[in-house]
Amino acid sequence: MPAVFQAVTVDYVAVAPMLIVVAGALVGVLVEAFAPRARRHGIEVVLTLAVLLAALVVLAVWSRDHLAVTVGGALSVDGVALFLQGTLLVLSILSVLVMAERFGGVGSDAFTPMGASTPGSGQEDAATRAGYATSEVFPLTLFAVFGMMIFVSANDLITMFVGLEVLSLPLYVMTGLSRRRRLLSQEAALKYFLLGAFSSAFFLFGSALLYGFAGSSDLKAIAQAISSSAGGLDGLLLPGVVLTLIGLLFKIGAVPFHSWTPDAYQGAPTPVTGFMAACTKLAAFGAILRLAYVGVAGNRWDWQIGVVAIAILTMVVGAVLSVTQTDVKRLLAYSSIAHAGFILVGVLAFSKAAIGGVMFYLLAYGATTIAAFAIVTMVRQDGSEASHLSQWAGLGRRHPVVAGSFAFLLLAFAGIPLTSGFTAKFATFAPAVASGTAGIVMVVVGVLASAVTAFVYVRLIVLMYFTEPVDGVVALPASIGSKLAIGVGLAVTLLAGVAPTYALQLAGNASQFLL
């Protein structure tokens, strides 16, 4: 009999933000190919910001009214997907503003080409002609954002794998773009690439086992096969779920899949590190939520205890190892590992309130993280980033506004009341307490781990305000873009702690998957 082809319907309004982003990325590639070298950076910055803003406007005005499972069931544009995509676009805009920090005197030289001189070296004209920066970082960012938007809305394991690869490959390249410490950066990129390839293999192998179990890679079909026990090959189910989750847990830096995180965060250009820490974590948790709640929730009693152990281990390892760090970027890397454990506590509560709490946490943590790394970019000694903690001594005396802003962000990471960190932890821990004994145990560990990380952050604050300044360490004046990114991050951190009602309601109303 001739094959019967089923027409694939596409709701173009629902997927319009993704189409805008990928179209902008392709235009950015053409700019790299044909625009004069000296003008590429400015064109790419304007283009990238315009594309992200346009995608955000389309999502907020039109796409929110077109909830649908579309593209032949490959994408599910529901409340969770729209909230995470909107948050992702906002955080990406802030990240691009920080990446564009190149024209403020002796600005960041993280992306300066190897053959170009740095500003202030007496050859500034040559550096300007070289484009000041490797402007290909901006189309790479758009491709990564496109992959992340697919990742959080994927309704099919194959589509999820495509999104995983589309977001990962640009990040591998972006991690290796640092010039000042290019050997460290290239080493970090290689480690990230190799471990990322292993995680992708785990995810793909697990997806193949789930396909063998259910006869489909569609998450809804897998859920139906689990509920009806119609898979016929039950021995494939648990290994498939475990391997698929390993591939996703790698992306959030959960222990024991975290070894890439400190090296990649330290070696990557600092603006890229902020983008990775905020946006990659958001995208990965969006995929974990969809897989756990839509696809394999029916057999969660078989694998939940293992993920509970991973969440506890992640919080403990992230908190304890952060105490020993002497590099500010590695400190924030281990802090991000601990925060991944905190968010996993909410994921494992398996309730609508937990989904809303996790999404609120991702919004609050992302804004705080980008602002923190933007400030790290500003602090320099002898033209290089002052990444060692000893270089931050006495910063509060010479640059009280910069040090005060960073101290406030550190208090938010610690979960101090009246900051977004406290509200976010409460929003994720409360559903976990209500979920039962395992949730209570995780929350107790989470509170203790938060106390340990609070010690780390307070120690750095004391270092900035109660020790003698280090000669040659300055906080460079930031451009308007970086100031805007830091200001938005501080505002979100404050408002989400003092008046979180609107954001919590928005996340709660969006915490519904479309099946």
Protein backbone atom coordinates (compact mmCIF):
# COMPACT_ATOMS: atom_id res chain seq x y z
CA MET A 1 0.00 0.00 0.00
CA PRO A 2 1.24 3.53 -0.68
CA ALA A 3 2.46 5.45 2.33
CA VAL A 4 0.01 7.86 3.88
CA PHE A 5 1.48 11.21 4.81
CA GLN A 6 -0.21 13.29 7.45
CA ALA A 7 -0.15 17.04 6.95
CA VAL A 8 1.85 18.91 9.57
CA THR A 9 0.05 21.96 10.90
CA VAL A 10 2.03 24.92 12.16
CA ASP A 11 0.69 27.77 14.24
CA TYR A 12 3.08 30.42 12.99
CA VAL A 13 1.95 32.99 15.54
CA ALA A 14 2.77 30.59 18.38
CA VAL A 15 6.28 29.90 17.08
CA ALA A 16 6.90 33.41 15.72
CA PRO A 17 9.35 34.42 18.49
CA MET A 18 11.56 31.43 17.67
CA LEU A 19 11.41 32.19 13.95
CA ILE A 20 12.40 35.81 14.59
CA VAL A 21 15.42 34.76 16.65
CA VAL A 22 16.73 32.22 14.14
CA ALA A 23 16.16 34.66 11.26
CA GLY A 24 18.13 37.29 13.15
CA ALA A 25 20.94 34.79 13.75
CA LEU A 26 21.15 34.05 10.03
CA VAL A 27 21.22 37.76 9.21
CA GLY A 28 24.00 38.13 11.78
CA VAL A 29 26.03 35.50 9.92
CA LEU A 30 25.59 37.50 6.70
CA VAL A 31 26.75 40.63 8.51
CA GLU A 32 29.90 38.78 9.57
CA ALA A 33 30.49 37.78 5.96
CA PHE A 34 29.86 41.07 4.17
CA ALA A 35 29.94 44.04 6.57
CA PRO A 36 33.16 46.08 6.87
CA ARG A 37 35.25 44.74 9.72
CA ALA A 38 35.36 48.01 11.63
CA ARG A 39 31.55 48.29 11.64
CA ARG A 40 30.60 44.69 12.44
CA HIS A 41 30.53 45.08 16.21
CA GLY A 42 28.12 48.01 16.20
CA ILE A 43 25.86 46.45 13.58
CA GLU A 44 25.77 43.11 15.42
CA VAL A 45 24.91 44.72 18.77
CA VAL A 46 22.03 46.72 17.32
CA LEU A 47 20.78 43.77 15.27
CA THR A 48 20.91 41.33 18.20
CA LEU A 49 19.11 43.66 20.59
CA ALA A 50 16.48 44.50 17.97
CA VAL A 51 15.84 40.82 17.23
CA LEU A 52 15.51 39.87 20.90
CA LEU A 53 13.23 42.84 21.63
CA ALA A 54 11.06 42.05 18.60
CA ALA A 55 10.76 38.41 19.68
CA LEU A 56 9.81 39.49 23.20
CA VAL A 57 7.14 41.90 21.94
CA VAL A 58 5.64 39.29 19.61
CA LEU A 59 5.58 36.75 22.43
CA ALA A 60 3.94 39.16 24.89
CA VAL A 61 1.38 40.60 22.46
CA TRP A 62 0.41 37.77 20.11
CA SER A 63 1.90 34.38 20.97
CA ARG A 64 0.38 34.26 24.46
CA ASP A 65 -3.07 34.00 22.87
CA HIS A 66 -2.04 31.07 20.66
CA LEU A 67 -1.44 28.22 23.06
CA ALA A 68 -1.06 25.09 20.97
CA VAL A 69 0.76 21.84 20.40
CA THR A 70 2.10 22.60 16.95
CA VAL A 71 4.66 21.64 14.29
CA GLY A 72 3.25 18.13 14.13
CA GLY A 73 3.29 17.75 17.91
CA ALA A 74 7.00 18.60 18.16
CA LEU A 75 6.49 21.84 20.09
CA SER A 76 4.10 22.67 22.91
CA VAL A 77 3.56 26.40 23.28
CA ASP A 78 1.83 26.49 26.67
CA GLY A 79 1.97 28.67 29.75
CA VAL A 80 5.22 27.15 31.01
CA ALA A 81 6.92 27.50 27.63
CA LEU A 82 5.80 31.11 27.16
CA PHE A 83 6.90 32.17 30.66
CA LEU A 84 10.30 30.53 30.27
CA GLN A 85 10.77 31.86 26.73
CA GLY A 86 9.85 35.38 27.84
CA THR A 87 12.23 35.16 30.80
CA LEU A 88 14.92 33.79 28.51
CA LEU A 89 14.54 36.68 26.08
CA VAL A 90 14.75 39.26 28.88
CA LEU A 91 17.86 37.65 30.36
CA SER A 92 19.41 37.38 26.90
CA ILE A 93 18.89 41.09 26.31
CA LEU A 94 20.65 41.87 29.59
CA SER A 95 23.48 39.48 28.66
CA VAL A 96 23.96 41.10 25.24
CA LEU A 97 24.13 44.53 26.86
CA VAL A 98 27.01 43.27 29.00
CA MET A 99 28.69 41.55 26.03
CA ALA A 100 28.54 44.86 24.13
CA GLU A 101 30.74 46.57 26.78
CA ARG A 102 33.63 47.60 24.52
CA PHE A 103 33.69 51.34 24.06
CA GLY A 104 34.16 52.73 27.57
CA GLY A 105 37.82 53.70 27.55
CA VAL A 106 39.83 50.75 28.82
CA GLY A 107 36.86 48.48 28.56
CA SER A 108 36.63 44.74 28.70
CA ASP A 109 39.02 43.06 26.31
CA ALA A 110 37.60 39.58 26.82
CA PHE A 111 36.71 39.27 23.14
CA THR A 112 39.58 41.24 21.59
CA PRO A 113 40.96 39.34 18.58
CA MET A 114 44.35 37.71 19.02
CA GLY A 115 45.92 39.95 16.40
CA ALA A 116 44.50 43.19 17.76
CA SER A 117 45.91 45.49 20.38
CA THR A 118 43.96 46.37 23.46
CA PRO A 119 42.72 49.88 24.15
CA GLY A 120 45.19 51.99 26.02
CA SER A 121 48.17 50.19 24.50
CA GLY A 122 49.09 53.03 22.16
CA GLN A 123 47.62 51.23 19.18
CA GLU A 124 43.95 51.92 19.78
CA ASP A 125 43.32 52.79 16.12
CA ALA A 126 44.51 49.34 15.07
CA ALA A 127 42.24 47.76 17.62
CA THR A 128 39.34 49.84 16.41
CA ARG A 129 39.98 48.84 12.81
CA ALA A 130 40.05 45.22 13.90
CA GLY A 131 36.53 45.62 15.22
CA TYR A 132 37.52 45.73 18.91
CA ALA A 133 35.81 42.40 19.49
CA THR A 134 35.06 39.09 17.91
CA SER A 135 31.60 40.15 16.85
CA GLU A 136 30.60 36.60 15.91
CA VAL A 137 29.67 36.18 19.58
CA PHE A 138 26.36 37.91 18.83
CA PRO A 139 24.97 35.58 16.12
CA LEU A 140 26.27 32.68 18.21
CA THR A 141 24.23 34.04 21.12
CA LEU A 142 21.11 34.20 18.94
CA PHE A 143 21.59 30.60 17.80
CA ALA A 144 22.01 29.54 21.43
CA VAL A 145 18.83 31.42 22.41
CA PHE A 146 16.98 29.75 19.55
CA GLY A 147 18.05 26.34 20.81
CA MET A 148 17.02 27.25 24.35
CA MET A 149 13.57 28.35 23.17
CA ILE A 150 13.13 25.01 21.41
CA PHE A 151 14.42 23.19 24.49
CA VAL A 152 11.84 24.60 26.90
CA SER A 153 8.92 23.96 24.52
CA ALA A 154 9.93 20.59 23.06
CA ASN A 155 7.10 18.07 23.24
CA ASP A 156 9.14 15.30 21.67
CA LEU A 157 12.46 13.75 22.68
CA ILE A 158 13.93 14.13 19.21
CA THR A 159 12.98 17.81 19.13
CA MET A 160 14.42 18.17 22.63
CA PHE A 161 17.70 16.65 21.44
CA VAL A 162 17.81 19.06 18.50
CA GLY A 163 17.28 21.97 20.86
CA LEU A 164 19.99 20.61 23.16
CA GLU A 165 22.54 20.54 20.36
CA VAL A 166 21.54 23.90 18.88
CA LEU A 167 22.03 25.60 22.25
CA SER A 168 25.18 23.68 23.17
CA LEU A 169 27.36 24.05 20.07
CA PRO A 170 27.44 27.88 20.10
CA LEU A 171 28.24 27.82 23.84
CA TYR A 172 31.26 25.58 23.25
CA VAL A 173 32.63 28.16 20.81
CA MET A 174 31.74 31.15 22.99
CA THR A 175 33.54 29.61 25.95
CA GLY A 176 36.82 29.65 24.02
CA LEU A 177 36.67 33.26 22.82
CA SER A 178 38.56 34.88 25.68
CA ARG A 179 41.83 36.49 24.57
CA ARG A 180 43.48 37.66 27.77
CA ARG A 181 43.70 34.11 29.14
CA ARG A 182 43.18 32.29 25.88
CA LEU A 183 44.88 29.02 26.89
CA LEU A 184 42.66 28.72 29.95
CA SER A 185 39.65 29.64 27.83
CA GLN A 186 40.43 27.10 25.14
CA GLU A 187 41.03 24.41 27.75
CA ALA A 188 37.66 25.22 29.31
CA ALA A 189 35.96 25.06 25.91
CA LEU A 190 37.52 21.67 25.18
CA LYS A 191 36.43 20.25 28.54
CA TYR A 192 32.94 21.65 28.07
CA PHE A 193 32.75 20.18 24.56
CA LEU A 194 33.96 16.70 25.52
CA LEU A 195 31.73 16.38 28.58
CA GLY A 196 28.84 17.93 26.66
CA ALA A 197 29.25 15.29 23.96
CA PHE A 198 29.05 12.57 26.61
CA SER A 199 25.91 14.12 28.09
CA SER A 200 24.32 14.31 24.64
CA ALA A 201 25.12 10.64 24.11
CA PHE A 202 23.46 9.76 27.43
CA PHE A 203 20.39 11.76 26.46
CA LEU A 204 20.18 10.19 23.01
CA PHE A 205 20.65 6.65 24.32
CA GLY A 206 17.98 7.22 26.96
CA SER A 207 15.63 8.62 24.33
CA ALA A 208 16.19 5.54 22.19
CA LEU A 209 15.28 3.28 25.13
CA LEU A 210 12.12 5.29 25.82
CA TYR A 211 11.22 5.03 22.15
CA GLY A 212 11.72 1.28 22.36
CA PHE A 213 9.43 1.18 25.39
CA ALA A 214 6.60 3.35 24.07
CA GLY A 215 7.00 3.06 20.31
CA SER A 216 7.10 6.85 20.11
CA SER A 217 9.34 9.74 21.12
CA ASP A 218 6.35 11.96 21.89
CA LEU A 219 6.17 12.79 25.60
CA LYS A 220 2.40 12.36 25.74
CA ALA A 221 2.66 8.94 24.05
CA ILE A 222 5.33 7.90 26.56
CA ALA A 223 3.10 9.01 29.43
CA GLN A 224 0.17 7.03 28.01
CA ALA A 225 2.33 3.93 27.59
CA ILE A 226 3.45 4.22 31.23
CA SER A 227 -0.09 4.68 32.54
CA SER A 228 -1.46 1.76 30.55
CA SER A 229 1.65 -0.43 30.86
CA ALA A 230 1.24 -0.97 27.14
CA GLY A 231 4.87 -0.56 26.31
CA GLY A 232 5.50 -4.28 26.44
CA LEU A 233 9.17 -3.69 27.18
CA ASP A 234 9.08 -2.43 30.77
CA GLY A 235 12.76 -3.22 31.25
CA LEU A 236 13.60 -0.31 28.93
CA LEU A 237 11.62 2.30 30.86
CA LEU A 238 13.72 2.94 33.95
CA PRO A 239 17.13 2.90 32.17
CA GLY A 240 15.68 5.20 29.52
CA VAL A 241 14.44 7.70 32.10
CA VAL A 242 17.71 7.60 34.05
CA LEU A 243 19.94 8.12 31.01
CA THR A 244 17.75 10.91 29.64
CA LEU A 245 17.77 12.69 32.99
CA ILE A 246 21.57 12.38 33.18
CA GLY A 247 21.83 14.26 29.89
CA LEU A 248 19.67 17.05 31.30
CA LEU A 249 21.23 17.13 34.77
CA PHE A 250 24.61 17.77 33.13
CA LYS A 251 23.30 21.04 31.71
CA ILE A 252 22.28 22.37 35.12
CA GLY A 253 25.60 21.36 36.68
CA ALA A 254 24.12 18.87 39.15
CA VAL A 255 26.54 16.68 41.11
CA PRO A 256 28.15 14.34 40.00
CA PHE A 257 27.78 15.85 36.51
CA HIS A 258 29.18 19.23 37.53
CA SER A 259 32.91 18.96 36.85
CA TRP A 260 32.72 21.15 33.73
CA THR A 261 31.06 24.05 35.52
CA PRO A 262 33.95 25.67 37.47
CA ASP A 263 36.41 25.34 34.57
CA ALA A 264 33.96 26.64 31.95
CA TYR A 265 32.84 29.52 34.15
CA GLN A 266 36.42 30.53 34.93
CA GLY A 267 37.77 30.15 31.40
CA ALA A 268 34.94 31.72 29.43
CA PRO A 269 34.77 35.49 28.86
CA THR A 270 32.91 36.86 31.88
CA PRO A 271 29.87 38.18 29.93
CA VAL A 272 29.52 34.72 28.36
CA THR A 273 29.77 33.15 31.80
CA GLY A 274 26.84 35.27 32.97
CA PHE A 275 24.81 34.26 29.92
CA MET A 276 25.62 30.58 30.47
CA ALA A 277 24.88 30.68 34.19
CA ALA A 278 21.49 32.33 33.77
CA CYS A 279 20.07 31.20 30.44
CA THR A 280 21.47 27.66 30.09
CA LYS A 281 20.26 26.77 33.57
CA LEU A 282 16.80 28.16 32.76
CA ALA A 283 16.56 26.20 29.52
CA ALA A 284 17.74 22.95 31.11
CA PHE A 285 15.29 23.22 33.98
CA GLY A 286 12.50 23.95 31.51
CA ALA A 287 13.30 20.69 29.72
CA ILE A 288 13.53 18.79 33.03
CA LEU A 289 10.14 20.12 34.09
CA ARG A 290 8.55 19.05 30.82
CA LEU A 291 10.13 15.60 30.83
CA ALA A 292 9.38 14.93 34.50
CA TYR A 293 5.84 16.32 34.59
CA VAL A 294 4.56 15.50 31.11
CA GLY A 295 6.50 12.44 29.99
CA VAL A 296 7.60 10.22 32.86
CA ALA A 297 5.63 11.36 35.92
CA GLY A 298 3.72 8.07 35.89
CA ASN A 299 6.69 6.05 37.11
CA ARG A 300 8.37 8.74 39.22
CA TRP A 301 8.38 6.47 42.28
CA ASP A 302 10.99 4.36 40.48
CA TRP A 303 13.45 7.19 39.80
CA GLN A 304 12.49 10.02 42.15
CA ILE A 305 14.58 8.82 45.09
CA GLY A 306 17.71 8.81 42.91
CA VAL A 307 17.11 12.42 41.85
CA VAL A 308 16.42 13.34 45.50
CA ALA A 309 19.89 11.99 46.34
CA ILE A 310 21.38 14.02 43.47
CA ALA A 311 19.62 17.17 44.71
CA ILE A 312 20.97 16.69 48.24
CA LEU A 313 24.47 15.93 46.96
CA THR A 314 24.36 18.96 44.66
CA MET A 315 23.43 21.33 47.49
CA VAL A 316 26.07 19.93 49.83
CA VAL A 317 28.94 19.80 47.33
CA GLY A 318 28.14 23.22 45.85
CA ALA A 319 27.99 24.84 49.29
CA VAL A 320 31.02 23.12 50.83
CA LEU A 321 33.39 23.53 47.89
CA SER A 322 32.46 27.20 47.51
CA VAL A 323 34.17 27.77 50.87
CA THR A 324 37.56 26.76 49.48
CA GLN A 325 37.49 28.92 46.34
CA THR A 326 39.92 31.81 45.84
CA ASP A 327 38.68 32.88 42.38
CA VAL A 328 35.47 34.89 42.28
CA LYS A 329 34.23 33.22 39.07
CA ARG A 330 34.85 29.73 40.46
CA LEU A 331 33.11 30.80 43.67
CA LEU A 332 30.06 31.87 41.68
CA ALA A 333 30.32 28.60 39.71
CA TYR A 334 30.04 26.48 42.85
CA SER A 335 27.30 28.83 44.03
CA SER A 336 25.40 28.04 40.82
CA ILE A 337 25.83 24.33 41.52
CA ALA A 338 24.26 24.80 44.96
CA HIS A 339 21.42 26.80 43.41
CA ALA A 340 20.80 23.98 40.93
CA GLY A 341 20.23 21.74 43.94
CA PHE A 342 17.83 24.26 45.48
CA ILE A 343 15.79 24.39 42.27
CA LEU A 344 15.75 20.59 42.00
CA VAL A 345 14.05 20.54 45.42
CA GLY A 346 11.14 22.41 43.87
CA VAL A 347 11.06 20.24 40.76
CA LEU A 348 10.71 17.08 42.85
CA ALA A 349 7.67 18.42 44.74
CA PHE A 350 5.45 17.49 41.76
CA SER A 351 2.72 20.09 42.14
CA LYS A 352 1.46 23.13 40.24
CA ALA A 353 2.76 25.37 43.02
CA ALA A 354 6.19 23.80 42.60
CA ILE A 355 6.23 24.60 38.87
CA GLY A 356 5.43 28.24 39.60
CA GLY A 357 8.07 28.37 42.33
CA VAL A 358 10.74 26.92 40.05
CA MET A 359 9.95 29.39 37.26
CA PHE A 360 10.04 32.31 39.72
CA TYR A 361 13.40 31.06 41.03
CA LEU A 362 14.83 30.89 37.50
CA LEU A 363 13.73 34.47 36.81
CA ALA A 364 15.13 35.85 40.07
CA TYR A 365 18.38 33.89 39.94
CA GLY A 366 19.00 34.75 36.28
CA ALA A 367 18.66 38.51 36.76
CA THR A 368 20.88 38.48 39.86
CA THR A 369 23.53 36.34 38.17
CA ILE A 370 23.87 38.47 35.05
CA ALA A 371 24.23 41.62 37.17
CA ALA A 372 26.86 39.93 39.36
CA PHE A 373 29.01 38.83 36.42
CA ALA A 374 28.63 42.28 34.83
CA ILE A 375 30.19 43.77 37.98
CA VAL A 376 32.98 41.16 37.90
CA THR A 377 33.77 42.36 34.37
CA MET A 378 34.26 45.92 35.64
CA VAL A 379 36.77 45.17 38.43
CA ARG A 380 40.31 45.17 37.01
CA GLN A 381 43.97 45.33 37.92
CA ASP A 382 46.60 46.34 35.38
CA GLY A 383 44.15 45.87 32.51
CA SER A 384 43.12 42.34 33.46
CA GLU A 385 40.05 41.18 35.32
CA ALA A 386 40.63 41.04 39.07
CA SER A 387 39.30 37.54 39.53
CA HIS A 388 41.29 36.52 42.61
CA LEU A 389 39.46 37.24 45.85
CA SER A 390 42.48 38.99 47.36
CA GLN A 391 42.21 41.63 44.63
CA TRP A 392 38.75 42.58 45.86
CA ALA A 393 40.11 43.65 49.25
CA GLY A 394 39.08 47.18 50.17
CA LEU A 395 37.01 47.67 47.02
CA GLY A 396 34.20 49.16 49.10
CA ARG A 397 36.43 52.03 50.19
CA ARG A 398 37.45 53.11 46.69
CA HIS A 399 34.29 52.18 44.80
CA PRO A 400 31.42 52.08 47.31
CA VAL A 401 28.62 51.94 44.72
CA VAL A 402 30.13 49.01 42.81
CA ALA A 403 30.99 47.12 46.00
CA GLY A 404 27.58 47.90 47.53
CA SER A 405 25.77 46.61 44.45
CA PHE A 406 27.83 43.42 44.43
CA ALA A 407 27.28 42.94 48.17
CA PHE A 408 23.52 43.25 47.69
CA LEU A 409 23.61 40.62 44.95
CA LEU A 410 25.66 38.32 47.18
CA LEU A 411 23.06 38.69 49.95
CA ALA A 412 20.41 37.67 47.41
CA PHE A 413 22.44 34.56 46.52
CA ALA A 414 22.54 33.79 50.24
CA GLY A 415 18.76 34.06 50.52
CA ILE A 416 18.64 36.97 52.96
CA PRO A 417 15.09 38.37 53.53
CA LEU A 418 13.97 41.34 51.43
CA THR A 419 15.91 39.98 48.45
CA SER A 420 14.74 37.82 45.57
CA GLY A 421 16.84 34.93 46.87
CA PHE A 422 14.76 34.58 50.02
CA THR A 423 11.44 34.72 48.16
CA ALA A 424 12.66 32.27 45.51
CA LYS A 425 13.84 29.74 48.09
CA PHE A 426 10.54 30.01 49.94
CA ALA A 427 8.59 29.55 46.69
CA THR A 428 10.47 26.32 45.91
CA PHE A 429 10.89 24.94 49.43
CA ALA A 430 7.26 25.38 50.56
CA PRO A 431 5.80 22.94 47.95
CA ALA A 432 8.59 20.49 48.80
CA VAL A 433 7.67 20.54 52.50
CA ALA A 434 4.05 19.86 51.56
CA SER A 435 5.08 16.93 49.33
CA GLY A 436 6.17 14.59 52.13
CA THR A 437 9.15 13.26 54.02
CA ALA A 438 11.63 13.36 51.15
CA GLY A 439 10.77 16.99 50.51
CA ILE A 440 11.24 17.88 54.17
CA VAL A 441 14.67 16.21 54.21
CA MET A 442 15.73 18.12 51.09
CA VAL A 443 14.54 21.42 52.56
CA VAL A 444 16.47 20.84 55.79
CA VAL A 445 19.63 20.13 53.78
CA GLY A 446 18.88 23.17 51.63
CA VAL A 447 18.61 25.48 54.63
CA LEU A 448 21.91 24.17 56.04
CA ALA A 449 23.60 24.54 52.65
CA SER A 450 22.25 28.10 52.40
CA ALA A 451 23.87 28.87 55.75
CA VAL A 452 27.22 27.62 54.46
CA THR A 453 27.00 29.70 51.29
CA ALA A 454 25.94 32.71 53.36
CA PHE A 455 29.25 32.43 55.22
CA VAL A 456 31.10 32.51 51.89
CA TYR A 457 29.27 35.58 50.65
CA VAL A 458 29.57 37.47 53.93
CA ARG A 459 33.30 36.70 54.01
CA LEU A 460 33.66 38.38 50.61
CA ILE A 461 31.61 41.38 51.76
CA VAL A 462 33.84 41.74 54.83
CA LEU A 463 36.87 41.53 52.53
CA MET A 464 35.56 44.39 50.40
CA TYR A 465 34.73 46.71 53.31
CA PHE A 466 37.00 45.89 56.23
CA THR A 467 40.42 45.33 54.69
CA GLU A 468 42.99 47.63 53.13
CA PRO A 469 42.62 48.32 49.38
CA VAL A 470 44.94 46.63 46.90
CA ASP A 471 47.05 48.94 44.73
CA GLY A 472 46.06 49.10 41.09
CA VAL A 473 42.59 47.57 41.48
CA VAL A 474 39.88 49.77 39.98
CA ALA A 475 36.25 49.45 38.92
CA LEU A 476 36.11 50.80 35.40
CA PRO A 477 33.26 53.09 34.37
CA ALA A 478 30.61 51.01 32.66
CA SER A 479 28.81 51.90 29.46
CA ILE A 480 25.12 52.71 29.42
CA GLY A 481 24.34 49.15 28.36
CA SER A 482 26.16 47.54 31.27
CA LYS A 483 24.70 50.06 33.70
CA LEU A 484 21.24 49.22 32.39
CA ALA A 485 21.85 45.47 32.77
CA ILE A 486 23.17 45.90 36.31
CA GLY A 487 20.35 48.28 37.20
CA VAL A 488 17.68 45.88 35.95
CA GLY A 489 19.33 43.02 37.82
CA LEU A 490 19.40 45.03 41.04
CA ALA A 491 15.80 46.17 40.56
CA VAL A 492 14.55 42.63 39.99
CA THR A 493 16.54 41.40 42.98
CA LEU A 494 14.99 44.09 45.19
CA LEU A 495 11.42 44.04 43.88
CA ALA A 496 11.21 40.24 43.83
CA GLY A 497 12.17 40.32 47.50
CA VAL A 498 10.09 43.28 48.69
CA ALA A 499 7.05 43.05 46.40
CA PRO A 500 7.07 39.62 44.69
CA THR A 501 3.30 39.26 44.36
CA TYR A 502 2.98 40.09 40.66
CA ALA A 503 5.86 37.87 39.55
CA LEU A 504 4.66 34.99 41.72
CA GLN A 505 1.12 35.31 40.36
CA LEU A 506 2.42 35.46 36.80
CA ALA A 507 4.51 32.33 37.33
CA GLY A 508 1.64 30.58 39.12
CA ASN A 509 -0.87 31.37 36.37
CA ALA A 510 1.58 30.10 33.73
CA SER A 511 2.38 26.84 35.53
CA GLN A 512 0.19 24.65 33.34
CA PHE A 513 1.37 22.24 30.67
CA LEU A 514 -0.66 21.83 27.51
CA LEU A 515 -1.22 18.12 26.84
